[in-house]
Amino acid sequence: MTTLIEVRDAGVRYLSTGLPALGPVSLTVRPGDLTLVSGPSGCGKSTLLRLINGLIPHSYRAEITGEVLIGGRPAAGRSIRDLSAVVGTLLQDPRTQIVGTTVASEIAFGPENLGLPRAEIRRRIDEVAARVGVTHLLDRPTAGLSGGELQMVAFAGVLAMRPQVVIVDEPLANLDPAAGLRLMGEIRRFVDEGGAAVVVEHRVEEILDSGPTEVLYLDDGVARYQGPVDGFLRVAPIGQVKLPFGTLVSRAAELPPTPAPPPRAAAPGPEPRLEYRAASLGYGTRTVLSGVDLALGATERVAVLGPNGAGKSTLLRAAVLLIAAQRGEVLVDGSPIAERSVLSLATTFGYVFQHPGQALFSPTVRQELAFGPRNLGWDAERIAEESSQVLRAMLLDREKDILDRPPRTLSFGQQRRLTVALALAMRPRTLVLDEPTAGQDLRTTTEFMGHALAAGSVESVYFITHDVDLALTYADRVVVVDDGRVVADGTPAALARAKDVWAGAGLRATSLVRAIRDHLPEAGTLPHPFDLARGLPPHKRSNPSPQEGTIP
């Protein structure tokens, strides 16, 4: 059988840092293979993909050892265009690969550069748009798309090039559960039709339905496991990657101690921190959300769930006047938001964008951290002290010479944590986080969320996420947005059992959700997933997948 990718004892050391990032690693990919690559944040997963698609050394200067063969030929010396005939890439941050001003022009970009006839380009646009479910977006400007919509459009652009293998970096990070299933279904279909795929993902459970043929688990840049799924589920580090709940039950004796809950702020007061009264929100003449009546407390932890493009980010952008209400009112601490100064809002809300690139612009991490506090009039000593604290809170103090690193030399997950550190450095009372844990492994997510919730000045946290289990574990209230409206608002325990809400909004009933429905009383607070798993005997699993069933 033809070998599409052959990585032989490859290693990578980035010249920008001088540090080894990968290796030695070997990987073989043939037609019909769907390889899952997993591991902690910063372990070398994205570096491996860059080595395969030619971004290393063309876009990232690095010293390379070993050998990489693409389509049976050495990758060394070949152009990215040449490699792209074999390998199509969906990057972790889709904004970095979108070049078209409209969805149709974006999908057409690759085929146009191949010099294909106009009729063939049009045929490919229509075919892949229908395939990935973006036909309704073809005339939309790419600048106005949500992160999830951009990811589906970027994947359509990849398919339009007709590669032999697709490599996909964190496909579920920006997608709602329904879109994630659709994307993985298309990847599975691509593989079944004779192609191959390499998928990097922390959320292992969601990938299992797609039937990966092999798992490569990296840690510290080297392979710690390489083999079939069932073997991986028996040995995967618990608490490091997101495993099916049934696996946690079967390996309950190995579960680490349950993380201590972050300290709570004071009891909720009578006034909400952020309130919407009959508010309609949107961009220009386009209304995204209408008739919003919602009050978010000053000491609450609120998760916002919903499909891509439903208006989740739009809802919380109004908190910092990134958009203004078209109709109705938005109030902060009881006063109309229009009466608040930019400085006042910046110290009330620490807003973290979904895409780190929207917040990172300084040459070094030190300068990034100093920018906001300097505008508040803080002296150098206080800025240095605060910078040290927030780096430690976001687990970035472990990176060598972090303060003098250019922010964009950090991994995507590390950049995301840096943007949270920038928000915390302003000592806000409320953190507003848009997809805060995308690109983070489970251990980092656990520590990161704990620190974010426990930060000294922070009284409340509002976070948007597509990770259902994250919402159930860390929020004390869940708001569901769908079709331009708030369709549900309640406790995690209540909403986990609201099957009509979940089905209507396209939310995934994960194995944790099924366990909650099957094994917990209807009233009361949800325990941590580790505690729930410890309390169930191994035979009490909630609808185990075929892969779970292979574990003794």
Protein backbone atom coordinates (compact mmCIF):
# COMPACT_ATOMS: atom_id res chain seq x y z
CA MET A 1 0.00 0.00 0.00
CA THR A 2 1.22 3.52 -0.84
CA THR A 3 2.69 5.41 2.11
CA LEU A 4 1.45 9.01 2.17
CA ILE A 5 3.50 10.23 5.13
CA GLU A 6 6.66 8.71 6.58
CA VAL A 7 8.32 10.45 9.53
CA ARG A 8 11.55 8.72 10.52
CA ASP A 9 13.15 9.62 13.85
CA ALA A 10 12.44 13.29 13.22
CA GLY A 11 13.41 16.05 15.61
CA VAL A 12 12.88 19.81 15.62
CA ARG A 13 14.64 22.65 17.45
CA TYR A 14 13.26 26.14 16.83
CA LEU A 15 15.99 28.69 16.15
CA SER A 16 13.91 31.46 17.78
CA THR A 17 14.14 29.78 21.18
CA GLY A 18 17.05 27.38 20.81
CA LEU A 19 14.96 24.76 22.58
CA PRO A 20 14.13 21.26 21.29
CA ALA A 21 10.41 20.98 20.50
CA LEU A 22 10.06 17.50 19.04
CA GLY A 23 11.87 14.24 18.69
CA PRO A 24 12.78 11.71 17.98
CA VAL A 25 9.35 10.78 16.59
CA SER A 26 8.34 8.32 13.88
CA LEU A 27 4.95 8.08 12.15
CA THR A 28 3.60 6.23 9.11
CA VAL A 29 0.30 7.21 7.47
CA ARG A 30 -1.29 5.20 4.67
CA PRO A 31 -4.61 5.51 2.81
CA GLY A 32 -7.43 4.55 5.19
CA ASP A 33 -5.55 5.67 8.32
CA LEU A 34 -7.05 8.10 10.81
CA THR A 35 -4.31 8.86 13.32
CA LEU A 36 -5.11 10.66 16.57
CA VAL A 37 -2.23 12.66 18.06
CA SER A 38 -2.70 13.71 21.67
CA GLY A 39 -0.64 14.93 24.59
CA PRO A 40 -0.13 17.86 26.98
CA SER A 41 -0.11 21.47 25.78
CA GLY A 42 3.27 22.35 24.31
CA CYS A 43 4.34 18.70 23.89
CA GLY A 44 5.13 19.02 20.16
CA LYS A 45 1.84 18.10 18.49
CA SER A 46 1.57 21.25 16.38
CA THR A 47 5.29 21.05 15.62
CA LEU A 48 4.78 17.56 14.18
CA LEU A 49 2.04 18.88 11.90
CA ARG A 50 4.20 21.81 10.77
CA LEU A 51 6.95 19.35 9.90
CA ILE A 52 4.55 17.33 7.74
CA ASN A 53 2.97 20.26 5.86
CA GLY A 54 6.21 22.17 5.28
CA LEU A 55 5.53 25.15 7.55
CA ILE A 56 8.78 23.98 9.12
CA PRO A 57 11.20 25.18 7.75
CA HIS A 58 9.40 27.57 5.35
CA SER A 59 7.49 29.64 7.95
CA TYR A 60 9.20 28.55 11.18
CA ARG A 61 13.00 28.54 11.13
CA ALA A 62 14.23 25.37 12.78
CA GLU A 63 16.95 22.77 12.86
CA ILE A 64 15.56 19.45 11.63
CA THR A 65 16.97 15.98 12.19
CA GLY A 66 15.75 12.64 10.85
CA GLU A 67 13.75 12.36 7.63
CA VAL A 68 10.26 13.21 6.42
CA LEU A 69 8.80 11.67 3.26
CA ILE A 70 5.58 13.06 1.75
CA GLY A 71 3.97 11.05 -1.03
CA GLY A 72 7.06 8.81 -1.14
CA ARG A 73 9.48 11.71 -1.73
CA PRO A 74 11.67 13.62 0.75
CA ALA A 75 10.00 16.80 2.01
CA ALA A 76 13.34 18.60 2.25
CA GLY A 77 13.76 21.15 -0.50
CA ARG A 78 10.13 21.01 -1.67
CA SER A 79 7.86 24.04 -1.68
CA ILE A 80 4.70 24.32 0.43
CA ARG A 81 2.73 24.43 -2.82
CA ASP A 82 4.26 21.12 -3.91
CA LEU A 83 3.55 19.51 -0.52
CA SER A 84 -0.02 20.84 -0.51
CA ALA A 85 -0.86 18.60 -3.45
CA VAL A 86 -0.53 15.71 -1.00
CA VAL A 87 -1.19 17.31 2.40
CA GLY A 88 -4.06 19.67 3.21
CA THR A 89 -3.96 21.50 6.54
CA LEU A 90 -6.64 22.86 8.87
CA LEU A 91 -4.80 25.03 11.38
CA GLN A 92 -5.63 25.41 15.06
CA ASP A 93 -6.51 29.09 14.56
CA PRO A 94 -8.49 29.28 11.30
CA ARG A 95 -8.04 33.07 11.09
CA THR A 96 -4.39 32.53 10.21
CA GLN A 97 -5.24 30.70 6.98
CA ILE A 98 -8.27 32.69 5.77
CA VAL A 99 -7.32 34.99 2.88
CA GLY A 100 -10.60 35.44 0.93
CA THR A 101 -12.86 38.38 1.65
CA THR A 102 -15.97 36.22 1.17
CA VAL A 103 -16.60 32.55 1.89
CA ALA A 104 -16.86 31.72 -1.82
CA SER A 105 -13.58 33.49 -2.64
CA GLU A 106 -11.86 31.75 0.27
CA ILE A 107 -12.87 28.29 -0.97
CA ALA A 108 -11.87 29.28 -4.51
CA PHE A 109 -8.41 30.51 -3.49
CA GLY A 110 -6.59 27.17 -3.63
CA PRO A 111 -8.14 25.89 -6.89
CA GLU A 112 -7.47 29.28 -8.51
CA ASN A 113 -3.79 28.97 -7.60
CA LEU A 114 -3.78 25.56 -9.25
CA GLY A 115 -4.92 27.25 -12.45
CA LEU A 116 -8.15 25.25 -12.72
CA PRO A 117 -10.89 26.31 -15.17
CA ARG A 118 -13.56 28.63 -13.78
CA ALA A 119 -16.32 26.03 -14.24
CA GLU A 120 -14.32 23.45 -12.27
CA ILE A 121 -13.65 25.96 -9.48
CA ARG A 122 -17.37 26.76 -9.23
CA ARG A 123 -18.21 23.06 -9.12
CA ARG A 124 -15.74 22.48 -6.30
CA ILE A 125 -17.06 25.45 -4.33
CA ASP A 126 -20.62 24.17 -4.48
CA GLU A 127 -19.58 20.58 -3.73
CA VAL A 128 -17.45 21.22 -0.63
CA ALA A 129 -19.75 23.95 0.71
CA ALA A 130 -22.65 21.50 0.67
CA ARG A 131 -20.45 18.79 2.11
CA VAL A 132 -19.41 20.75 5.21
CA GLY A 133 -22.67 22.71 5.60
CA VAL A 134 -21.59 26.25 4.68
CA THR A 135 -23.65 26.80 1.52
CA HIS A 136 -25.72 29.44 3.33
CA LEU A 137 -22.52 31.38 4.08
CA LEU A 138 -21.09 31.55 0.54
CA ASP A 139 -21.89 35.24 0.03
CA ARG A 140 -20.99 36.30 3.59
CA PRO A 141 -17.79 38.28 4.32
CA THR A 142 -15.28 36.11 6.17
CA ALA A 143 -14.58 39.01 8.56
CA GLY A 144 -18.07 38.64 10.04
CA LEU A 145 -17.97 34.90 10.72
CA SER A 146 -17.77 33.26 14.14
CA GLY A 147 -14.70 31.20 15.03
CA GLY A 148 -16.57 27.97 14.41
CA GLU A 149 -17.92 29.14 11.06
CA LEU A 150 -14.40 30.16 10.02
CA GLN A 151 -13.13 26.70 10.89
CA MET A 152 -15.73 24.98 8.69
CA VAL A 153 -14.98 27.40 5.84
CA ALA A 154 -11.24 26.76 6.19
CA PHE A 155 -11.87 23.02 6.02
CA ALA A 156 -13.99 23.49 2.88
CA GLY A 157 -11.01 25.32 1.37
CA VAL A 158 -8.78 22.37 2.24
CA LEU A 159 -11.14 19.86 0.62
CA ALA A 160 -11.39 22.00 -2.52
CA MET A 161 -7.69 21.33 -3.12
CA ARG A 162 -8.34 17.54 -3.27
CA PRO A 163 -5.38 16.51 -1.08
CA GLN A 164 -4.52 12.88 -0.38
CA VAL A 165 -4.22 13.39 3.38
CA VAL A 166 -5.61 16.08 5.71
CA ILE A 167 -3.95 17.14 8.93
CA VAL A 168 -6.21 18.88 11.43
CA ASP A 169 -5.04 20.75 14.53
CA GLU A 170 -7.57 20.87 17.41
CA PRO A 171 -10.70 20.52 15.24
CA LEU A 172 -13.13 20.69 18.16
CA ALA A 173 -11.70 23.79 19.82
CA ASN A 174 -13.94 26.30 18.05
CA LEU A 175 -16.89 24.13 17.05
CA ASP A 176 -20.20 23.48 18.72
CA PRO A 177 -20.92 19.76 19.28
CA ALA A 178 -23.11 19.39 16.18
CA ALA A 179 -20.56 21.12 13.96
CA GLY A 180 -17.76 19.09 15.54
CA LEU A 181 -19.59 15.87 14.75
CA ARG A 182 -20.19 17.08 11.20
CA LEU A 183 -16.53 17.98 10.71
CA MET A 184 -15.29 14.68 12.13
CA GLY A 185 -17.90 12.87 10.04
CA GLU A 186 -16.49 14.52 6.92
CA ILE A 187 -12.96 13.62 7.95
CA ARG A 188 -14.09 10.01 8.45
CA ARG A 189 -15.81 10.08 5.05
CA PHE A 190 -12.64 11.48 3.44
CA VAL A 191 -10.65 8.61 4.93
CA ASP A 192 -13.22 5.98 3.91
CA GLU A 193 -13.08 7.25 0.33
CA GLY A 194 -9.36 6.48 0.14
CA GLY A 195 -7.74 9.43 1.87
CA ALA A 196 -6.04 9.63 5.27
CA ALA A 197 -6.08 12.00 8.22
CA VAL A 198 -3.90 13.05 11.15
CA VAL A 199 -5.95 14.76 13.88
CA VAL A 200 -4.49 16.55 16.92
CA GLU A 201 -6.99 16.73 19.78
CA HIS A 202 -7.07 16.80 23.59
CA ARG A 203 -10.73 15.84 23.83
CA VAL A 204 -10.22 12.16 23.14
CA GLU A 205 -13.79 11.10 23.90
CA GLU A 206 -15.28 13.16 21.06
CA ILE A 207 -12.85 11.67 18.53
CA LEU A 208 -13.54 8.02 19.38
CA ASP A 209 -16.81 7.92 17.44
CA SER A 210 -14.79 8.61 14.29
CA GLY A 211 -12.86 5.37 14.71
CA PRO A 212 -9.18 6.38 14.82
CA THR A 213 -6.91 3.56 13.65
CA GLU A 214 -3.93 4.61 15.78
CA VAL A 215 -3.10 6.92 18.69
CA LEU A 216 0.22 8.71 19.02
CA TYR A 217 0.63 10.21 22.50
CA LEU A 218 3.41 12.77 22.86
CA ASP A 219 4.94 14.19 26.01
CA ASP A 220 8.04 16.36 26.12
CA GLY A 221 8.31 16.01 22.37
CA VAL A 222 8.68 12.22 22.29
CA ALA A 223 6.23 9.35 21.81
CA ARG A 224 5.05 7.84 25.12
CA TYR A 225 2.46 5.61 23.42
CA GLN A 226 1.85 4.57 19.83
CA GLY A 227 -0.74 1.94 19.03
CA PRO A 228 -4.45 1.04 18.96
CA VAL A 229 -7.19 2.96 20.79
CA ASP A 230 -8.06 0.26 23.30
CA GLY A 231 -4.46 0.06 24.52
CA PHE A 232 -4.31 3.83 24.82
CA LEU A 233 -7.45 3.98 26.96
CA ARG A 234 -5.86 1.46 29.35
CA VAL A 235 -2.67 3.48 29.83
CA ALA A 236 -3.56 7.11 29.01
CA PRO A 237 -2.55 9.46 31.83
CA ILE A 238 -5.76 10.18 33.73
CA GLY A 239 -6.23 13.86 34.34
CA GLN A 240 -4.03 14.73 31.34
CA VAL A 241 -6.43 14.21 28.43
CA LYS A 242 -10.21 14.10 28.37
CA LEU A 243 -11.19 10.41 28.48
CA PRO A 244 -14.67 8.86 28.30
CA PHE A 245 -16.42 8.79 31.65
CA GLY A 246 -16.67 4.99 31.43
CA THR A 247 -12.87 4.83 31.29
CA LEU A 248 -12.67 6.93 34.45
CA VAL A 249 -15.06 4.52 36.17
CA SER A 250 -13.08 1.45 35.10
CA ARG A 251 -9.83 3.07 36.28
CA ALA A 252 -11.26 4.74 39.39
CA ALA A 253 -8.42 3.42 41.56
CA GLU A 254 -5.96 5.48 39.50
CA LEU A 255 -7.86 8.77 39.67
CA PRO A 256 -5.82 11.63 41.13
CA PRO A 257 -7.18 13.58 44.11
CA THR A 258 -10.13 15.78 43.24
CA PRO A 259 -8.95 19.36 42.75
CA ALA A 260 -9.92 21.60 45.64
CA PRO A 261 -12.78 23.91 44.63
CA PRO A 262 -11.70 27.52 44.16
CA PRO A 263 -12.71 29.82 47.02
CA ARG A 264 -16.08 31.46 46.58
CA ALA A 265 -16.67 35.18 46.45
CA ALA A 266 -19.19 36.83 48.73
CA ALA A 267 -22.84 35.84 48.52
CA PRO A 268 -24.70 37.37 45.57
CA GLY A 269 -25.96 40.88 46.19
CA PRO A 270 -29.18 42.44 44.95
CA GLU A 271 -27.60 44.14 41.91
CA PRO A 272 -26.33 42.15 38.92
CA ARG A 273 -22.93 42.93 37.42
CA LEU A 274 -24.21 42.76 33.82
CA GLU A 275 -27.84 43.14 32.79
CA TYR A 276 -29.69 43.10 29.47
CA ARG A 277 -33.19 44.56 29.22
CA ALA A 278 -35.08 43.73 26.00
CA ALA A 279 -31.75 44.10 24.24
CA SER A 280 -31.10 43.47 20.56
CA LEU A 281 -27.43 43.09 19.64
CA GLY A 282 -25.69 42.84 16.30
CA TYR A 283 -23.36 44.41 13.77
CA GLY A 284 -24.45 47.30 11.58
CA THR A 285 -27.93 46.48 10.32
CA ARG A 286 -27.57 42.74 11.05
CA THR A 287 -29.23 41.64 14.30
CA VAL A 288 -27.66 38.58 15.91
CA LEU A 289 -29.54 38.46 19.23
CA SER A 290 -32.95 39.92 19.96
CA GLY A 291 -35.21 40.29 22.98
CA VAL A 292 -32.48 39.47 25.51
CA ASP A 293 -33.60 39.78 29.12
CA LEU A 294 -30.77 38.46 31.27
CA ALA A 295 -29.01 39.41 34.50
CA LEU A 296 -25.58 37.98 35.35
CA GLY A 297 -24.62 38.22 39.02
CA ALA A 298 -21.62 40.00 40.46
CA THR A 299 -20.36 36.82 42.13
CA GLU A 300 -21.52 34.11 39.73
CA ARG A 301 -19.70 31.63 37.52
CA VAL A 302 -21.73 31.55 34.34
CA ALA A 303 -21.09 29.32 31.32
CA VAL A 304 -22.59 30.25 27.94
CA LEU A 305 -23.28 27.35 25.56
CA GLY A 306 -24.79 27.20 22.09
CA PRO A 307 -24.17 26.52 18.40
CA ASN A 308 -21.63 28.36 16.27
CA GLY A 309 -23.00 31.69 15.10
CA ALA A 310 -25.82 31.67 17.68
CA GLY A 311 -24.60 34.91 19.29
CA LYS A 312 -22.57 33.76 22.33
CA SER A 313 -19.62 36.07 21.67
CA THR A 314 -21.96 38.88 20.60
CA LEU A 315 -23.75 38.63 23.96
CA LEU A 316 -20.61 39.21 26.02
CA ARG A 317 -18.91 41.68 23.67
CA ALA A 318 -21.60 44.12 24.72
CA ALA A 319 -20.08 44.07 28.23
CA VAL A 320 -17.05 46.07 27.03
CA LEU A 321 -18.78 48.13 24.32
CA LEU A 322 -17.22 46.19 21.47
CA ILE A 323 -20.79 46.42 20.21
CA ALA A 324 -23.67 48.65 21.31
CA ALA A 325 -27.27 47.57 21.74
CA GLN A 326 -29.41 48.24 18.66
CA ARG A 327 -32.49 48.32 20.90
CA GLY A 328 -33.09 47.96 24.61
CA GLU A 329 -30.50 48.48 27.33
CA VAL A 330 -27.25 47.02 28.65
CA LEU A 331 -26.37 47.95 32.25
CA VAL A 332 -23.23 47.46 34.32
CA ASP A 333 -23.61 47.48 38.10
CA GLY A 334 -27.03 49.04 37.68
CA SER A 335 -26.02 51.93 35.40
CA PRO A 336 -26.36 52.21 31.60
CA ILE A 337 -23.15 51.03 30.00
CA ALA A 338 -22.97 54.14 27.79
CA GLU A 339 -22.33 56.19 30.93
CA ARG A 340 -19.21 54.20 31.81
CA SER A 341 -15.75 55.24 30.62
CA VAL A 342 -13.48 52.86 28.73
CA LEU A 343 -11.09 52.83 31.70
CA SER A 344 -13.92 52.00 34.10
CA LEU A 345 -15.06 49.09 31.93
CA ALA A 346 -11.47 47.83 31.54
CA THR A 347 -11.09 47.50 35.31
CA THR A 348 -14.55 46.01 35.74
CA PHE A 349 -14.32 43.40 32.97
CA GLY A 350 -11.20 41.52 31.96
CA TYR A 351 -12.22 40.53 28.44
CA VAL A 352 -10.33 37.71 26.70
CA PHE A 353 -10.89 37.22 22.98
CA GLN A 354 -11.45 33.82 21.41
CA HIS A 355 -8.40 34.29 19.18
CA PRO A 356 -5.14 35.30 20.94
CA GLY A 357 -3.91 37.13 17.85
CA GLN A 358 -6.52 39.82 18.48
CA ALA A 359 -4.81 40.78 21.75
CA LEU A 360 -1.07 40.20 21.15
CA PHE A 361 0.88 42.98 19.47
CA SER A 362 4.01 43.74 21.55
CA PRO A 363 7.53 42.44 20.78
CA THR A 364 7.89 40.62 24.12
CA VAL A 365 5.72 39.08 26.80
CA ARG A 366 7.09 41.61 29.30
CA GLN A 367 5.83 44.50 27.17
CA GLU A 368 2.46 42.85 26.61
CA LEU A 369 1.93 42.49 30.35
CA ALA A 370 3.00 46.07 31.05
CA PHE A 371 0.80 47.76 28.42
CA GLY A 372 -2.51 47.81 30.30
CA PRO A 373 -1.19 48.50 33.82
CA ARG A 374 1.03 51.31 32.49
CA ASN A 375 -2.10 52.99 31.12
CA LEU A 376 -3.56 52.73 34.61
CA GLY A 377 -0.59 54.71 35.94
CA TRP A 378 1.11 51.86 37.80
CA ASP A 379 4.84 52.13 38.53
CA ALA A 380 7.43 49.70 37.18
CA GLU A 381 7.79 47.82 40.47
CA ARG A 382 4.08 47.12 40.75
CA ILE A 383 3.88 46.09 37.09
CA ALA A 384 6.77 43.64 37.53
CA GLU A 385 5.18 42.14 40.64
CA GLU A 386 1.77 41.80 38.99
CA SER A 387 3.33 40.29 35.84
CA SER A 388 5.05 37.64 37.91
CA GLN A 389 1.82 36.76 39.72
CA VAL A 390 -0.35 36.43 36.62
CA LEU A 391 2.26 34.37 34.75
CA ARG A 392 2.36 32.01 37.70
CA ALA A 393 -1.45 31.84 37.81
CA MET A 394 -1.58 30.95 34.10
CA LEU A 395 1.21 28.32 34.42
CA LEU A 396 3.50 30.30 32.14
CA ASP A 397 6.24 30.97 34.68
CA ARG A 398 7.54 27.47 33.89
CA GLU A 399 8.63 28.61 30.42
CA LYS A 400 12.31 29.53 30.23
CA ASP A 401 12.92 33.28 29.77
CA ILE A 402 9.19 33.79 29.21
CA LEU A 403 9.27 37.55 29.78
CA ASP A 404 11.71 38.10 26.92
CA ARG A 405 10.00 35.73 24.48
CA PRO A 406 8.04 37.12 21.52
CA PRO A 407 4.42 36.16 22.29
CA ARG A 408 3.91 34.49 18.92
CA THR A 409 6.74 32.01 19.57
CA LEU A 410 4.55 30.45 22.27
CA SER A 411 2.25 27.56 21.41
CA PHE A 412 -1.38 28.43 20.61
CA GLY A 413 -2.50 27.14 24.01
CA GLN A 414 0.19 29.17 25.75
CA GLN A 415 -0.80 32.29 23.80
CA ARG A 416 -4.38 31.79 24.95
CA ARG A 417 -3.27 31.59 28.58
CA LEU A 418 -1.12 34.67 28.08
CA THR A 419 -4.17 36.66 26.98
CA VAL A 420 -5.90 35.64 30.22
CA ALA A 421 -2.81 36.78 32.11
CA LEU A 422 -3.08 40.16 30.33
CA ALA A 423 -6.66 40.50 31.54
CA LEU A 424 -5.77 39.48 35.11
CA ALA A 425 -2.90 42.00 35.17
CA MET A 426 -5.54 44.75 35.10
CA ARG A 427 -7.09 43.30 38.28
CA PRO A 428 -10.67 43.17 36.94
CA ARG A 429 -13.68 42.30 39.09
CA THR A 430 -15.21 40.07 36.40
CA LEU A 431 -13.40 37.86 33.88
CA VAL A 432 -15.11 37.38 30.51
CA LEU A 433 -13.54 34.45 28.67
CA ASP A 434 -14.34 33.37 25.10
CA GLU A 435 -13.35 29.70 24.68
CA PRO A 436 -10.67 29.91 27.41
CA THR A 437 -9.58 26.27 27.35
CA ALA A 438 -9.30 25.58 23.61
CA GLY A 439 -5.84 24.18 22.95
CA GLN A 440 -5.36 23.16 26.61
CA ASP A 441 -4.91 19.64 27.92
CA LEU A 442 -7.11 18.52 30.80
CA ARG A 443 -4.47 19.01 33.50
CA THR A 444 -3.72 22.53 32.29
CA THR A 445 -7.45 23.26 32.05
CA THR A 446 -7.96 22.09 35.64
CA GLU A 447 -5.13 24.23 37.02
CA PHE A 448 -5.89 27.18 34.75
CA MET A 449 -9.59 27.32 35.63
CA GLY A 450 -8.82 26.94 39.30
CA HIS A 451 -6.40 29.88 39.22
CA ALA A 452 -8.72 32.02 37.08
CA LEU A 453 -11.65 31.46 39.43
CA ALA A 454 -9.52 32.11 42.50
CA ALA A 455 -7.69 35.25 41.27
CA GLY A 456 -7.59 37.86 44.03
CA SER A 457 -9.58 40.64 42.40
CA VAL A 458 -12.00 38.43 40.49
CA GLU A 459 -15.52 38.25 41.90
CA SER A 460 -17.22 36.57 38.93
CA VAL A 461 -16.37 34.69 35.74
CA TYR A 462 -18.50 34.49 32.60
CA PHE A 463 -17.13 32.05 30.04
CA ILE A 464 -18.20 30.92 26.58
CA THR A 465 -17.39 27.32 25.76
CA HIS A 466 -18.25 24.45 23.45
CA ASP A 467 -16.94 22.00 26.03
CA VAL A 468 -20.10 20.77 27.73
CA ASP A 469 -18.22 18.99 30.51
CA LEU A 470 -16.26 22.16 31.32
CA ALA A 471 -19.53 24.07 31.76
CA LEU A 472 -20.98 21.37 34.01
CA THR A 473 -17.83 21.16 36.14
CA TYR A 474 -16.98 24.83 36.69
CA ALA A 475 -20.16 26.90 36.35
CA ASP A 476 -22.91 27.35 38.89
CA ARG A 477 -25.21 28.60 36.14
CA VAL A 478 -25.47 27.75 32.44
CA VAL A 479 -27.03 30.00 29.80
CA VAL A 480 -27.87 28.44 26.41
CA VAL A 481 -28.06 30.66 23.33
CA ASP A 482 -29.62 29.41 20.09
CA ASP A 483 -31.16 30.93 16.99
CA GLY A 484 -30.59 34.49 18.17
CA ARG A 485 -32.20 34.07 21.59
CA VAL A 486 -31.48 32.90 25.12
CA VAL A 487 -33.36 29.58 25.17
CA ALA A 488 -32.37 28.22 28.59
CA ASP A 489 -30.94 29.47 31.86
CA GLY A 490 -30.45 27.27 34.91
CA THR A 491 -28.15 25.21 37.08
CA PRO A 492 -25.82 22.65 35.47
CA ALA A 493 -27.72 19.81 37.16
CA ALA A 494 -31.07 20.98 35.81
CA LEU A 495 -29.84 21.64 32.28
CA ALA A 496 -27.98 18.34 32.02
CA ARG A 497 -31.36 16.63 32.38
CA ALA A 498 -33.18 18.98 29.99
CA LYS A 499 -32.97 16.70 26.96
CA ASP A 500 -35.20 18.94 24.86
CA VAL A 501 -32.88 21.93 25.38
CA TRP A 502 -29.79 19.89 24.55
CA ALA A 503 -31.31 18.39 21.42
CA GLY A 504 -32.77 21.71 20.27
CA ALA A 505 -29.46 23.56 20.63
CA GLY A 506 -27.40 20.72 19.16
CA LEU A 507 -25.44 20.09 22.38
CA ARG A 508 -23.59 16.81 22.74
CA ALA A 509 -24.78 14.44 25.45
CA THR A 510 -21.30 13.35 26.54
CA SER A 511 -20.75 10.31 28.70
CA LEU A 512 -20.58 12.64 31.73
CA VAL A 513 -23.99 14.09 30.84
CA ARG A 514 -25.42 10.57 30.52
CA ALA A 515 -23.91 9.60 33.87
CA ILE A 516 -25.52 12.63 35.52
CA ARG A 517 -28.89 11.72 34.04
CA ASP A 518 -28.60 8.05 34.98
CA HIS A 519 -26.97 8.11 38.40
CA LEU A 520 -27.60 11.38 40.21
CA PRO A 521 -30.74 12.58 41.97
CA GLU A 522 -32.53 15.44 40.29
CA ALA A 523 -31.80 17.92 43.05
CA GLY A 524 -28.48 18.98 44.44
CA THR A 525 -25.03 20.14 43.35
CA LEU A 526 -23.06 18.21 40.77
CA PRO A 527 -19.98 16.47 42.16
CA HIS A 528 -16.65 16.71 40.38
CA PRO A 529 -16.42 14.05 37.60
CA PHE A 530 -13.64 12.23 39.51
CA ASP A 531 -15.86 11.95 42.60
CA LEU A 532 -18.78 10.76 40.49
CA ALA A 533 -16.58 8.10 38.85
CA ARG A 534 -15.27 6.90 42.21
CA GLY A 535 -18.82 6.45 43.45
CA LEU A 536 -19.90 4.11 40.64
CA PRO A 537 -18.96 0.43 40.33
CA PRO A 538 -17.24 -0.43 37.00
CA HIS A 539 -20.35 -2.14 35.55
CA LYS A 540 -22.44 1.03 35.92
CA ARG A 541 -21.38 2.82 32.77
CA SER A 542 -23.54 5.21 30.80
CA ASN A 543 -23.91 3.88 27.24
CA PRO A 544 -20.25 2.92 26.74
CA SER A 545 -18.87 3.27 23.24
CA PRO A 546 -17.41 0.22 21.47
CA GLN A 547 -13.95 1.49 22.34
CA GLU A 548 -14.83 1.70 26.03
CA GLY A 549 -16.12 -1.85 25.88
CA THR A 550 -12.69 -3.20 24.98
CA ILE A 551 -11.27 -2.22 28.35
CA PRO A 552 -11.16 -5.20 30.76
